[in-house]
Amino acid sequence: MSLIEVKNLEKTYTEGESATAAVCGITFSIKKGEFVAIMGPSGSGKSTLLHILGFLDRPTSGEYRFDGKTISEFSDDEIAKVRNEEIGFVFQAFNLLARTSVLENVKLPLAYSGVKENLWNNLAEKAIASVGLTHRLRHEPSRLSGGEKQRAAIARALINNPKVIFADEPTGNLDSKSGETVISILQNLNEKEGRTVILITHEVDIAEHAERIIHIKDGKIESDLPVAKRRKASHI
């Protein structure tokens, strides 16, 4: 069953009399449990597409169905609820609160959920353990390496047990070894837990960890192909 379906999706930004088309009539679907990489050069429209798929922006036209529901019919409050409870985000810049421990950073999304507060610590500790970061539980981000910061961000993305994880250039600020660790965590989440993962990247060797690569250029899909020989995930 498809988790995500988009048909003739378009996004145009207008400023004065000038209009810029960022996404131009894109159509595809992503099944539950897939690991899909979306690739393209800078300015190709891949980040705009991610923002639409992740409910951070709305399309100008076209249809977007998430888990069988047409998103255009959702109110802003319903969109916010889906974004917080069913989607996990991992960004290149980590987006961790600076003077707050890993535990408190990971717990943060629970403040906007219906989960009882007395369960927050236990859930956060489990998420942190799943990315191999228990030894940094009480550390603030300033005491973490880049790879550890991204692992904390992944734990935070997992805290509400989302249906899909969107990772936007998650290895962009990391050295190659840390990048491989982070991408292996995402792949393990897909292979062992069946989580749907959508990865935005411009790096071919990172994209090849996915099952399928969608190439985008000038807001249009150039190709949508399975990865011939998927790399095996390594353990943390």
Protein backbone atom coordinates (compact mmCIF):
# COMPACT_ATOMS: atom_id res chain seq x y z
CA MET A 1 0.00 0.00 0.00
CA SER A 2 1.23 3.49 -0.87
CA LEU A 3 2.01 5.83 1.99
CA ILE A 4 2.66 8.79 -0.28
CA GLU A 5 1.07 9.54 -3.64
CA VAL A 6 1.56 12.72 -5.63
CA LYS A 7 0.00 13.49 -9.00
CA ASN A 8 0.85 16.45 -11.23
CA LEU A 9 2.31 18.25 -8.20
CA GLU A 10 3.37 21.84 -8.82
CA LYS A 11 4.82 24.61 -6.69
CA THR A 12 5.27 28.13 -8.02
CA TYR A 13 6.68 31.04 -6.05
CA THR A 14 5.39 34.47 -7.03
CA GLU A 15 7.09 37.77 -6.26
CA GLY A 16 5.52 40.81 -7.80
CA GLU A 17 4.96 40.02 -11.46
CA SER A 18 7.62 37.34 -11.57
CA ALA A 19 6.86 33.63 -11.02
CA THR A 20 9.35 30.84 -10.42
CA ALA A 21 8.32 27.22 -10.89
CA ALA A 22 10.16 25.03 -8.34
CA VAL A 23 8.20 21.80 -8.83
CA CYS A 24 6.68 21.10 -12.26
CA GLY A 25 4.03 18.41 -12.61
CA ILE A 26 5.68 15.65 -10.56
CA THR A 27 3.93 12.27 -10.21
CA PHE A 28 5.11 9.27 -8.15
CA SER A 29 4.19 7.07 -5.18
CA ILE A 30 6.13 5.64 -2.24
CA LYS A 31 5.05 2.44 -0.52
CA LYS A 32 5.04 1.90 3.21
CA GLY A 33 8.43 0.55 4.28
CA GLU A 34 10.36 1.88 1.27
CA PHE A 35 13.71 3.65 1.47
CA VAL A 36 13.78 6.25 -1.31
CA ALA A 37 16.50 8.76 -2.14
CA ILE A 38 15.63 11.97 -3.97
CA MET A 39 18.63 13.42 -5.80
CA GLY A 40 19.27 16.53 -7.81
CA PRO A 41 21.63 19.48 -8.16
CA SER A 42 21.21 22.66 -6.15
CA GLY A 43 18.07 24.46 -7.30
CA SER A 44 16.51 21.33 -8.77
CA GLY A 45 13.43 21.51 -6.55
CA LYS A 46 14.21 18.57 -4.28
CA SER A 47 14.07 20.58 -1.05
CA THR A 48 10.82 22.26 -2.12
CA LEU A 49 9.40 18.81 -2.80
CA LEU A 50 10.53 17.62 0.64
CA HIS A 51 8.83 20.60 2.28
CA ILE A 52 5.57 19.72 0.55
CA LEU A 53 5.80 16.01 1.36
CA GLY A 54 6.66 16.85 4.99
CA PHE A 55 3.74 19.29 5.40
CA LEU A 56 6.03 22.29 5.79
CA ASP A 57 4.52 23.86 2.68
CA ARG A 58 1.49 23.36 0.43
CA PRO A 59 1.61 22.77 -3.34
CA THR A 60 0.27 25.36 -5.77
CA SER A 61 -1.65 22.66 -7.62
CA GLY A 62 -1.84 18.90 -8.07
CA GLU A 63 -2.81 16.15 -5.65
CA TYR A 64 -0.98 14.86 -2.58
CA ARG A 65 -2.35 11.86 -0.69
CA PHE A 66 -0.74 10.75 2.58
CA ASP A 67 -1.76 7.35 3.92
CA GLY A 68 -4.84 7.45 1.73
CA LYS A 69 -5.97 10.95 2.71
CA THR A 70 -6.05 13.95 0.37
CA ILE A 71 -4.01 16.68 2.03
CA SER A 72 -5.76 19.60 0.30
CA GLU A 73 -8.82 18.83 2.44
CA PHE A 74 -6.87 19.20 5.72
CA SER A 75 -7.08 22.32 7.89
CA ASP A 76 -3.89 23.96 9.17
CA ASP A 77 -4.48 22.37 12.59
CA GLU A 78 -4.86 18.92 11.02
CA ILE A 79 -1.68 19.45 9.01
CA ALA A 80 0.21 20.41 12.18
CA LYS A 81 -1.07 17.29 13.95
CA VAL A 82 0.05 14.99 11.13
CA ARG A 83 3.42 16.74 10.92
CA ASN A 84 4.10 16.28 14.64
CA GLU A 85 2.72 12.77 15.14
CA GLU A 86 3.31 10.93 11.86
CA ILE A 87 6.48 12.48 10.45
CA GLY A 88 10.05 12.66 11.73
CA PHE A 89 12.53 15.19 10.35
CA VAL A 90 16.33 15.03 10.23
CA PHE A 91 18.05 18.15 8.90
CA GLN A 92 21.60 18.92 7.78
CA ALA A 93 21.98 21.57 10.51
CA PHE A 94 20.78 19.18 13.30
CA ASN A 95 18.44 21.85 14.80
CA LEU A 96 19.21 20.88 18.40
CA LEU A 97 18.63 23.30 21.28
CA ALA A 98 22.09 24.48 22.31
CA ARG A 99 21.90 24.57 26.12
CA THR A 100 19.73 21.49 26.51
CA SER A 101 20.81 17.89 27.06
CA VAL A 102 20.40 15.15 24.48
CA LEU A 103 17.60 13.70 26.62
CA GLU A 104 15.69 16.98 26.74
CA ASN A 105 16.20 17.59 23.01
CA VAL A 106 14.83 14.17 22.14
CA LYS A 107 11.84 14.61 24.48
CA LEU A 108 10.83 17.94 22.93
CA PRO A 109 8.28 16.67 20.33
CA LEU A 110 6.40 14.85 23.10
CA ALA A 111 5.39 18.22 24.56
CA TYR A 112 3.09 18.65 21.55
CA SER A 113 1.70 15.12 21.64
CA GLY A 114 -0.93 13.35 23.68
CA VAL A 115 1.65 11.17 25.45
CA LYS A 116 1.54 11.39 29.25
CA GLU A 117 4.50 13.26 30.70
CA ASN A 118 5.46 10.45 33.07
CA LEU A 119 6.32 8.33 29.98
CA TRP A 120 8.54 10.89 28.27
CA ASN A 121 11.89 9.94 29.82
CA ASN A 122 11.46 6.24 29.12
CA LEU A 123 10.47 6.82 25.49
CA ALA A 124 13.35 9.25 24.95
CA GLU A 125 15.90 6.90 26.51
CA LYS A 126 14.75 4.08 24.23
CA ALA A 127 15.05 6.30 21.15
CA ILE A 128 18.52 7.45 22.23
CA ALA A 129 19.61 3.84 22.83
CA SER A 130 18.38 2.88 19.34
CA VAL A 131 20.98 5.21 17.79
CA GLY A 132 23.78 4.16 20.14
CA LEU A 133 23.96 7.41 22.10
CA THR A 134 23.10 6.39 25.67
CA HIS A 135 26.58 7.42 26.85
CA ARG A 136 25.77 11.03 25.81
CA LEU A 137 22.33 11.18 27.43
CA ARG A 138 23.10 14.18 29.70
CA HIS A 139 25.47 15.98 27.33
CA GLU A 140 24.64 19.28 25.66
CA PRO A 141 25.15 19.55 21.87
CA SER A 142 28.34 21.60 22.31
CA ARG A 143 29.98 18.48 23.79
CA LEU A 144 28.97 16.22 20.89
CA SER A 145 30.71 15.49 17.61
CA GLY A 146 28.87 16.23 14.38
CA GLY A 147 27.94 12.58 13.96
CA GLU A 148 26.63 12.39 17.53
CA LYS A 149 24.53 15.51 16.97
CA GLN A 150 22.92 13.92 13.94
CA ARG A 151 22.28 10.69 15.84
CA ALA A 152 20.53 12.75 18.54
CA ALA A 153 18.46 14.39 15.79
CA ILE A 154 17.48 10.95 14.46
CA ALA A 155 16.44 9.86 17.98
CA ARG A 156 14.28 12.98 18.24
CA ALA A 157 12.73 12.17 14.84
CA LEU A 158 11.81 8.69 16.13
CA ILE A 159 10.25 9.77 19.43
CA ASN A 160 6.64 9.89 18.21
CA ASN A 161 6.96 6.61 16.28
CA PRO A 162 6.40 8.33 12.90
CA LYS A 163 5.16 6.66 9.75
CA VAL A 164 7.93 8.25 7.70
CA ILE A 165 11.33 9.84 8.31
CA PHE A 166 12.43 12.69 6.04
CA ALA A 167 16.19 13.20 6.07
CA ASP A 168 17.34 16.38 4.29
CA GLU A 169 21.08 16.12 3.47
CA PRO A 170 21.69 14.39 6.85
CA THR A 171 25.38 13.77 6.08
CA GLY A 172 26.10 17.19 4.58
CA ASN A 173 27.93 18.56 7.65
CA LEU A 174 29.71 15.32 8.54
CA ASP A 175 33.02 13.67 7.73
CA SER A 176 32.81 10.49 5.67
CA LYS A 177 33.02 8.08 8.63
CA SER A 178 30.31 9.86 10.62
CA GLY A 179 28.21 10.12 7.47
CA GLU A 180 28.40 6.38 6.90
CA THR A 181 27.33 5.76 10.52
CA VAL A 182 24.32 8.05 10.19
CA ILE A 183 23.19 6.58 6.88
CA SER A 184 23.60 3.05 8.27
CA ILE A 185 21.32 3.96 11.19
CA LEU A 186 18.67 5.14 8.74
CA GLN A 187 19.07 1.98 6.67
CA ASN A 188 18.80 -0.22 9.76
CA LEU A 189 15.61 1.60 10.76
CA ASN A 190 14.24 0.77 7.34
CA GLU A 191 15.42 -2.85 7.16
CA LYS A 192 14.86 -3.95 10.76
CA GLU A 193 11.88 -1.82 11.79
CA GLY A 194 10.21 -1.39 8.41
CA ARG A 195 10.21 2.39 8.65
CA THR A 196 9.63 4.45 5.53
CA VAL A 197 12.67 6.68 4.89
CA ILE A 198 12.89 9.48 2.32
CA LEU A 199 16.40 10.84 1.90
CA ILE A 200 17.34 14.07 0.15
CA THR A 201 20.95 14.08 -1.00
CA HIS A 202 23.25 15.17 -3.81
CA GLU A 203 25.80 12.43 -3.04
CA VAL A 204 25.56 9.31 -5.19
CA ASP A 205 27.33 7.02 -2.69
CA ILE A 206 24.85 8.06 0.03
CA ALA A 207 21.82 7.65 -2.25
CA GLU A 208 22.90 4.12 -3.16
CA HIS A 209 22.03 2.96 0.37
CA ALA A 210 18.37 3.41 -0.62
CA GLU A 211 16.24 0.92 -2.54
CA ARG A 212 15.27 3.46 -5.17
CA ILE A 213 16.55 6.78 -6.47
CA ILE A 214 14.39 9.55 -7.91
CA HIS A 215 16.48 12.07 -9.89
CA ILE A 216 15.05 15.58 -10.17
CA LYS A 217 16.21 18.40 -12.42
CA ASP A 218 14.55 21.77 -13.02
CA GLY A 219 11.55 20.69 -10.95
CA LYS A 220 10.87 17.57 -13.02
CA ILE A 221 11.63 13.88 -12.57
CA GLU A 222 14.46 12.79 -14.85
CA SER A 223 14.49 9.17 -13.69
CA ASP A 224 12.96 6.91 -11.04
CA LEU A 225 14.90 3.65 -10.79
CA PRO A 226 15.69 0.90 -8.26
CA VAL A 227 19.24 0.74 -6.90
CA ALA A 228 20.94 -2.15 -8.67
CA LYS A 229 23.13 -3.32 -5.80
CA ARG A 230 22.00 -1.85 -2.52
CA ARG A 231 24.72 -1.44 0.08
CA LYS A 232 24.29 -3.45 3.25
CA ALA A 233 23.77 -1.57 6.49
CA SER A 234 26.47 -1.87 9.11
CA HIS A 235 25.85 -2.09 12.84
CA ILE A 236 26.31 0.97 15.04
